[in-house]
Amino acid sequence: QVQLVESGGGLVQPGGSLRLSCVASGSRFGIYDMGWYRQAPGKQRELVAGIVSDGITTNYANSVKGRFTISRDNTKNTLYLQMNNLNTGEACVYYCQATTAQYGSWGQGTQVTVSA
């Protein structure tokens, strides 16, 4: 099984940027498709961005296209999410997920706060 630990969350002003990281351990990172999700209180968890195991194919929620970039470094077992031009509505907990056809695992999440 893979263990995932997110970091990089924090407080940022509206219009600011953050870079989230998700470090994987315990299994071969390169076999997993990866994703970033977010969940606000009282709302369903939603997909923000995904990237397949080879790091070439990506997909984004319409609301973040052009502002967020997902990437991975399979040599460092790390997934990234560069978030630019953040708005207050995007303040919530961000989670990374690792999946194969048979398995899925979540990290514990990292809090992003967007406030002036």
N, C-alpha and C. Protein backbone atom coordinates (compact mmCIF):
# COMPACT_ATOMS: atom_id res chain seq x y z
N GLN A 1 0.83 -1.18 0.00
CA GLN A 1 0.00 0.00 0.00
C GLN A 1 0.87 1.24 0.00
N VAL A 2 0.33 2.30 -0.59
CA VAL A 2 1.05 3.56 -0.65
C VAL A 2 0.54 4.49 0.43
N GLN A 3 1.44 5.19 1.07
CA GLN A 3 1.09 6.21 2.05
C GLN A 3 1.37 7.58 1.43
N LEU A 4 0.45 8.51 1.65
CA LEU A 4 0.54 9.82 1.03
C LEU A 4 0.54 10.91 2.11
N VAL A 5 1.42 11.87 1.98
CA VAL A 5 1.49 12.98 2.93
C VAL A 5 1.54 14.29 2.15
N GLU A 6 0.49 15.10 2.34
CA GLU A 6 0.43 16.40 1.67
C GLU A 6 1.09 17.49 2.51
N SER A 7 1.56 18.52 1.85
CA SER A 7 2.11 19.70 2.52
C SER A 7 2.00 20.88 1.58
N GLY A 8 2.29 22.06 2.11
CA GLY A 8 2.31 23.26 1.28
C GLY A 8 1.11 24.16 1.45
N GLY A 9 0.10 23.70 2.19
CA GLY A 9 -1.04 24.56 2.44
C GLY A 9 -0.67 25.69 3.36
N GLY A 10 -1.59 26.64 3.49
CA GLY A 10 -1.35 27.78 4.36
C GLY A 10 -2.27 28.92 4.03
N LEU A 11 -1.90 30.09 4.51
CA LEU A 11 -2.70 31.30 4.30
C LEU A 11 -2.13 32.10 3.14
N VAL A 12 -3.01 32.49 2.24
CA VAL A 12 -2.60 33.30 1.09
C VAL A 12 -3.69 34.34 0.83
N GLN A 13 -3.29 35.49 0.32
CA GLN A 13 -4.26 36.52 -0.02
C GLN A 13 -4.95 36.19 -1.33
N PRO A 14 -6.14 36.71 -1.55
CA PRO A 14 -6.79 36.52 -2.85
C PRO A 14 -5.88 36.99 -3.98
N GLY A 15 -5.81 36.17 -5.02
CA GLY A 15 -4.89 36.46 -6.12
C GLY A 15 -3.51 35.87 -5.94
N GLY A 16 -3.25 35.31 -4.78
CA GLY A 16 -1.94 34.76 -4.49
C GLY A 16 -1.77 33.33 -5.00
N SER A 17 -0.61 32.76 -4.70
CA SER A 17 -0.25 31.44 -5.19
C SER A 17 0.24 30.54 -4.07
N LEU A 18 0.03 29.27 -4.25
CA LEU A 18 0.58 28.24 -3.36
C LEU A 18 0.99 27.05 -4.21
N ARG A 19 1.96 26.31 -3.70
CA ARG A 19 2.35 25.06 -4.34
C ARG A 19 2.21 23.93 -3.32
N LEU A 20 1.31 23.01 -3.62
CA LEU A 20 1.10 21.85 -2.77
C LEU A 20 1.99 20.70 -3.22
N SER A 21 2.40 19.90 -2.27
CA SER A 21 3.18 18.69 -2.55
C SER A 21 2.54 17.49 -1.88
N CYS A 22 2.73 16.34 -2.48
CA CYS A 22 2.22 15.09 -1.91
C CYS A 22 3.32 14.05 -2.10
N VAL A 23 3.90 13.61 -1.00
CA VAL A 23 4.98 12.65 -1.05
C VAL A 23 4.44 11.25 -0.78
N ALA A 24 4.80 10.32 -1.63
CA ALA A 24 4.33 8.94 -1.51
C ALA A 24 5.44 8.04 -0.99
N SER A 25 5.05 7.05 -0.21
CA SER A 25 6.00 6.07 0.30
C SER A 25 5.31 4.72 0.43
N GLY A 26 6.11 3.68 0.51
CA GLY A 26 5.58 2.35 0.77
C GLY A 26 5.23 1.54 -0.45
N SER A 27 5.28 2.15 -1.62
CA SER A 27 4.95 1.43 -2.84
C SER A 27 5.54 2.17 -4.02
N ARG A 28 5.57 1.54 -5.15
CA ARG A 28 6.19 2.14 -6.32
C ARG A 28 5.29 3.25 -6.88
N PHE A 29 5.73 4.48 -6.71
CA PHE A 29 4.91 5.66 -7.04
C PHE A 29 4.54 5.68 -8.51
N GLY A 30 5.44 5.26 -9.36
CA GLY A 30 5.23 5.41 -10.79
C GLY A 30 4.10 4.61 -11.39
N ILE A 31 3.52 3.66 -10.64
CA ILE A 31 2.43 2.86 -11.19
C ILE A 31 1.07 3.50 -10.97
N TYR A 32 1.02 4.55 -10.16
CA TYR A 32 -0.26 5.14 -9.76
C TYR A 32 -0.65 6.32 -10.63
N ASP A 33 -1.93 6.36 -11.00
CA ASP A 33 -2.52 7.61 -11.44
C ASP A 33 -2.77 8.44 -10.19
N MET A 34 -2.57 9.75 -10.29
CA MET A 34 -2.67 10.61 -9.12
C MET A 34 -3.66 11.74 -9.36
N GLY A 35 -4.21 12.22 -8.27
CA GLY A 35 -5.14 13.33 -8.38
C GLY A 35 -5.11 14.23 -7.16
N TRP A 36 -5.49 15.47 -7.38
CA TRP A 36 -5.74 16.42 -6.29
C TRP A 36 -7.24 16.67 -6.21
N TYR A 37 -7.75 16.59 -5.01
CA TYR A 37 -9.15 16.86 -4.73
C TYR A 37 -9.23 17.94 -3.65
N ARG A 38 -10.39 18.52 -3.51
CA ARG A 38 -10.61 19.47 -2.42
C ARG A 38 -12.00 19.30 -1.86
N GLN A 39 -12.14 19.68 -0.60
CA GLN A 39 -13.42 19.53 0.07
C GLN A 39 -13.61 20.66 1.07
N ALA A 40 -14.68 21.40 0.87
CA ALA A 40 -15.07 22.45 1.79
C ALA A 40 -16.07 21.88 2.79
N PRO A 41 -16.19 22.49 3.96
CA PRO A 41 -17.14 21.99 4.97
C PRO A 41 -18.55 21.91 4.42
N GLY A 42 -19.19 20.77 4.61
CA GLY A 42 -20.56 20.59 4.17
C GLY A 42 -20.73 20.31 2.70
N LYS A 43 -19.62 20.20 1.97
CA LYS A 43 -19.69 19.95 0.54
C LYS A 43 -19.00 18.63 0.19
N GLN A 44 -19.32 18.12 -0.99
CA GLN A 44 -18.69 16.90 -1.46
C GLN A 44 -17.26 17.17 -1.89
N ARG A 45 -16.44 16.15 -1.77
CA ARG A 45 -15.07 16.24 -2.27
C ARG A 45 -15.12 16.29 -3.79
N GLU A 46 -14.34 17.19 -4.38
CA GLU A 46 -14.37 17.34 -5.82
C GLU A 46 -12.97 17.22 -6.40
N LEU A 47 -12.92 16.71 -7.64
CA LEU A 47 -11.66 16.59 -8.34
C LEU A 47 -11.19 17.96 -8.79
N VAL A 48 -9.93 18.27 -8.52
CA VAL A 48 -9.33 19.51 -8.98
C VAL A 48 -8.50 19.25 -10.24
N ALA A 49 -7.64 18.23 -10.16
CA ALA A 49 -6.77 17.91 -11.29
C ALA A 49 -6.28 16.47 -11.16
N GLY A 50 -6.00 15.85 -12.28
CA GLY A 50 -5.49 14.49 -12.29
C GLY A 50 -4.34 14.35 -13.26
N ILE A 51 -3.51 13.35 -13.02
CA ILE A 51 -2.37 13.08 -13.90
C ILE A 51 -2.13 11.58 -13.92
N VAL A 52 -1.92 11.04 -15.12
CA VAL A 52 -1.74 9.60 -15.21
C VAL A 52 -0.32 9.21 -14.81
N SER A 53 -0.09 7.92 -14.73
CA SER A 53 1.16 7.43 -14.14
C SER A 53 2.40 7.90 -14.89
N ASP A 54 2.29 8.08 -16.22
CA ASP A 54 3.47 8.47 -16.97
C ASP A 54 3.73 9.97 -16.93
N GLY A 55 2.82 10.71 -16.32
CA GLY A 55 3.01 12.14 -16.17
C GLY A 55 2.71 12.97 -17.40
N ILE A 56 2.16 12.35 -18.42
CA ILE A 56 1.93 13.07 -19.68
C ILE A 56 0.50 13.60 -19.77
N THR A 57 -0.46 12.76 -19.49
CA THR A 57 -1.87 13.15 -19.64
C THR A 57 -2.38 13.75 -18.33
N THR A 58 -2.99 14.92 -18.45
CA THR A 58 -3.56 15.59 -17.29
C THR A 58 -5.00 16.00 -17.59
N ASN A 59 -5.76 16.25 -16.55
CA ASN A 59 -7.10 16.79 -16.70
C ASN A 59 -7.37 17.73 -15.52
N TYR A 60 -8.24 18.72 -15.76
CA TYR A 60 -8.52 19.75 -14.77
C TYR A 60 -10.01 20.02 -14.67
N ALA A 61 -10.44 20.39 -13.48
CA ALA A 61 -11.79 20.94 -13.34
C ALA A 61 -11.85 22.25 -14.12
N ASN A 62 -12.99 22.53 -14.73
CA ASN A 62 -13.12 23.74 -15.54
C ASN A 62 -12.78 25.00 -14.74
N SER A 63 -13.10 24.97 -13.46
CA SER A 63 -12.92 26.17 -12.64
C SER A 63 -11.46 26.52 -12.39
N VAL A 64 -10.55 25.58 -12.61
CA VAL A 64 -9.15 25.84 -12.33
C VAL A 64 -8.28 25.87 -13.58
N LYS A 65 -8.83 25.56 -14.72
CA LYS A 65 -8.05 25.54 -15.96
C LYS A 65 -7.40 26.89 -16.21
N GLY A 66 -6.12 26.85 -16.53
CA GLY A 66 -5.37 28.08 -16.78
C GLY A 66 -4.76 28.70 -15.54
N ARG A 67 -5.15 28.23 -14.37
CA ARG A 67 -4.61 28.77 -13.12
C ARG A 67 -3.84 27.73 -12.31
N PHE A 68 -4.25 26.48 -12.36
CA PHE A 68 -3.61 25.41 -11.60
C PHE A 68 -2.83 24.50 -12.57
N THR A 69 -1.73 23.97 -12.07
CA THR A 69 -0.95 23.02 -12.85
C THR A 69 -0.57 21.83 -11.99
N ILE A 70 -0.93 20.64 -12.44
CA ILE A 70 -0.56 19.42 -11.75
C ILE A 70 0.68 18.83 -12.42
N SER A 71 1.57 18.30 -11.61
CA SER A 71 2.78 17.67 -12.16
C SER A 71 3.25 16.61 -11.17
N ARG A 72 4.17 15.81 -11.63
CA ARG A 72 4.73 14.76 -10.77
C ARG A 72 6.18 14.54 -11.10
N ASP A 73 6.93 14.11 -10.11
CA ASP A 73 8.32 13.73 -10.28
C ASP A 73 8.43 12.30 -9.76
N ASN A 74 8.43 11.35 -10.66
CA ASN A 74 8.46 9.95 -10.24
C ASN A 74 9.79 9.56 -9.61
N THR A 75 10.84 10.34 -9.86
CA THR A 75 12.13 10.05 -9.22
C THR A 75 12.15 10.49 -7.76
N LYS A 76 11.24 11.41 -7.41
CA LYS A 76 11.15 11.90 -6.03
C LYS A 76 9.88 11.43 -5.34
N ASN A 77 9.11 10.57 -6.02
CA ASN A 77 7.85 10.06 -5.45
C ASN A 77 6.93 11.19 -5.00
N THR A 78 6.86 12.24 -5.79
CA THR A 78 6.14 13.44 -5.35
C THR A 78 5.20 13.95 -6.43
N LEU A 79 4.03 14.34 -5.96
CA LEU A 79 3.00 14.97 -6.79
C LEU A 79 2.92 16.43 -6.38
N TYR A 80 2.69 17.31 -7.35
CA TYR A 80 2.60 18.75 -7.07
C TYR A 80 1.31 19.33 -7.61
N LEU A 81 0.90 20.44 -7.01
CA LEU A 81 -0.18 21.25 -7.56
C LEU A 81 0.21 22.71 -7.38
N GLN A 82 0.50 23.37 -8.48
CA GLN A 82 0.77 24.80 -8.48
C GLN A 82 -0.54 25.53 -8.65
N MET A 83 -0.89 26.36 -7.70
CA MET A 83 -2.17 27.07 -7.71
C MET A 83 -1.90 28.57 -7.78
N ASN A 84 -2.38 29.21 -8.82
CA ASN A 84 -2.21 30.64 -9.01
C ASN A 84 -3.56 31.34 -9.00
N ASN A 85 -3.52 32.62 -8.66
CA ASN A 85 -4.73 33.45 -8.67
C ASN A 85 -5.86 32.81 -7.86
N LEU A 86 -5.54 32.44 -6.65
CA LEU A 86 -6.53 31.80 -5.77
C LEU A 86 -7.61 32.78 -5.36
N ASN A 87 -8.81 32.29 -5.20
CA ASN A 87 -9.89 33.12 -4.70
C ASN A 87 -10.45 32.54 -3.41
N THR A 88 -11.24 33.34 -2.72
CA THR A 88 -11.71 32.95 -1.39
C THR A 88 -12.56 31.69 -1.43
N GLY A 89 -13.23 31.45 -2.54
CA GLY A 89 -14.06 30.26 -2.65
C GLY A 89 -13.28 28.97 -2.73
N GLU A 90 -11.96 29.08 -2.87
CA GLU A 90 -11.12 27.89 -2.99
C GLU A 90 -10.43 27.53 -1.67
N ALA A 91 -10.80 28.22 -0.63
CA ALA A 91 -10.27 27.91 0.69
C ALA A 91 -10.95 26.65 1.22
N CYS A 92 -10.17 25.63 1.43
CA CYS A 92 -10.69 24.35 1.94
C CYS A 92 -9.51 23.41 2.14
N VAL A 93 -9.82 22.14 2.41
CA VAL A 93 -8.78 21.13 2.55
C VAL A 93 -8.54 20.46 1.20
N TYR A 94 -7.27 20.34 0.85
CA TYR A 94 -6.86 19.71 -0.40
C TYR A 94 -6.23 18.35 -0.09
N TYR A 95 -6.67 17.35 -0.86
CA TYR A 95 -6.22 15.99 -0.66
C TYR A 95 -5.56 15.44 -1.93
N CYS A 96 -4.58 14.60 -1.78
CA CYS A 96 -4.08 13.86 -2.94
C CYS A 96 -4.56 12.42 -2.86
N GLN A 97 -4.69 11.81 -4.03
CA GLN A 97 -5.16 10.44 -4.14
C GLN A 97 -4.29 9.68 -5.11
N ALA A 98 -4.01 8.43 -4.76
CA ALA A 98 -3.29 7.52 -5.65
C ALA A 98 -4.21 6.37 -6.01
N THR A 99 -4.27 6.02 -7.30
CA THR A 99 -5.16 4.95 -7.71
C THR A 99 -4.49 4.04 -8.75
N THR A 100 -4.89 2.77 -8.69
CA THR A 100 -4.69 1.85 -9.78
C THR A 100 -6.06 1.25 -10.08
N ALA A 101 -6.14 0.30 -10.96
CA ALA A 101 -7.43 -0.32 -11.28
C ALA A 101 -8.01 -1.06 -10.07
N GLN A 102 -7.14 -1.46 -9.15
CA GLN A 102 -7.59 -2.28 -8.03
C GLN A 102 -7.52 -1.57 -6.68
N TYR A 103 -6.98 -0.39 -6.62
CA TYR A 103 -6.62 0.18 -5.32
C TYR A 103 -6.67 1.69 -5.33
N GLY A 104 -7.01 2.26 -4.18
CA GLY A 104 -6.99 3.70 -4.03
C GLY A 104 -6.57 4.08 -2.63
N SER A 105 -5.88 5.20 -2.52
CA SER A 105 -5.43 5.66 -1.21
C SER A 105 -5.47 7.17 -1.17
N TRP A 106 -5.79 7.72 0.02
CA TRP A 106 -5.87 9.16 0.23
C TRP A 106 -4.83 9.62 1.24
N GLY A 107 -4.40 10.85 1.07
CA GLY A 107 -3.62 11.50 2.10
C GLY A 107 -4.52 12.10 3.16
N GLN A 108 -3.92 12.75 4.14
CA GLN A 108 -4.69 13.31 5.25
C GLN A 108 -5.19 14.72 4.96
N GLY A 109 -4.68 15.33 3.92
CA GLY A 109 -5.14 16.65 3.51
C GLY A 109 -4.26 17.77 4.04
N THR A 110 -4.32 18.89 3.34
CA THR A 110 -3.62 20.10 3.77
C THR A 110 -4.57 21.28 3.59
N GLN A 111 -4.63 22.14 4.59
CA GLN A 111 -5.58 23.24 4.61
C GLN A 111 -5.05 24.43 3.81
N VAL A 112 -5.89 24.94 2.94
CA VAL A 112 -5.60 26.17 2.20
C VAL A 112 -6.60 27.23 2.65
N THR A 113 -6.08 28.35 3.09
CA THR A 113 -6.92 29.47 3.52
C THR A 113 -6.62 30.67 2.62
N VAL A 114 -7.67 31.24 2.05
CA VAL A 114 -7.52 32.40 1.17
C VAL A 114 -8.28 33.56 1.80
N SER A 115 -7.53 34.53 2.26
CA SER A 115 -8.16 35.63 2.99
C SER A 115 -7.27 36.86 2.93
N ALA A 116 -7.94 38.02 2.88
CA ALA A 116 -7.19 39.26 2.91
C ALA A 116 -6.82 39.63 4.35
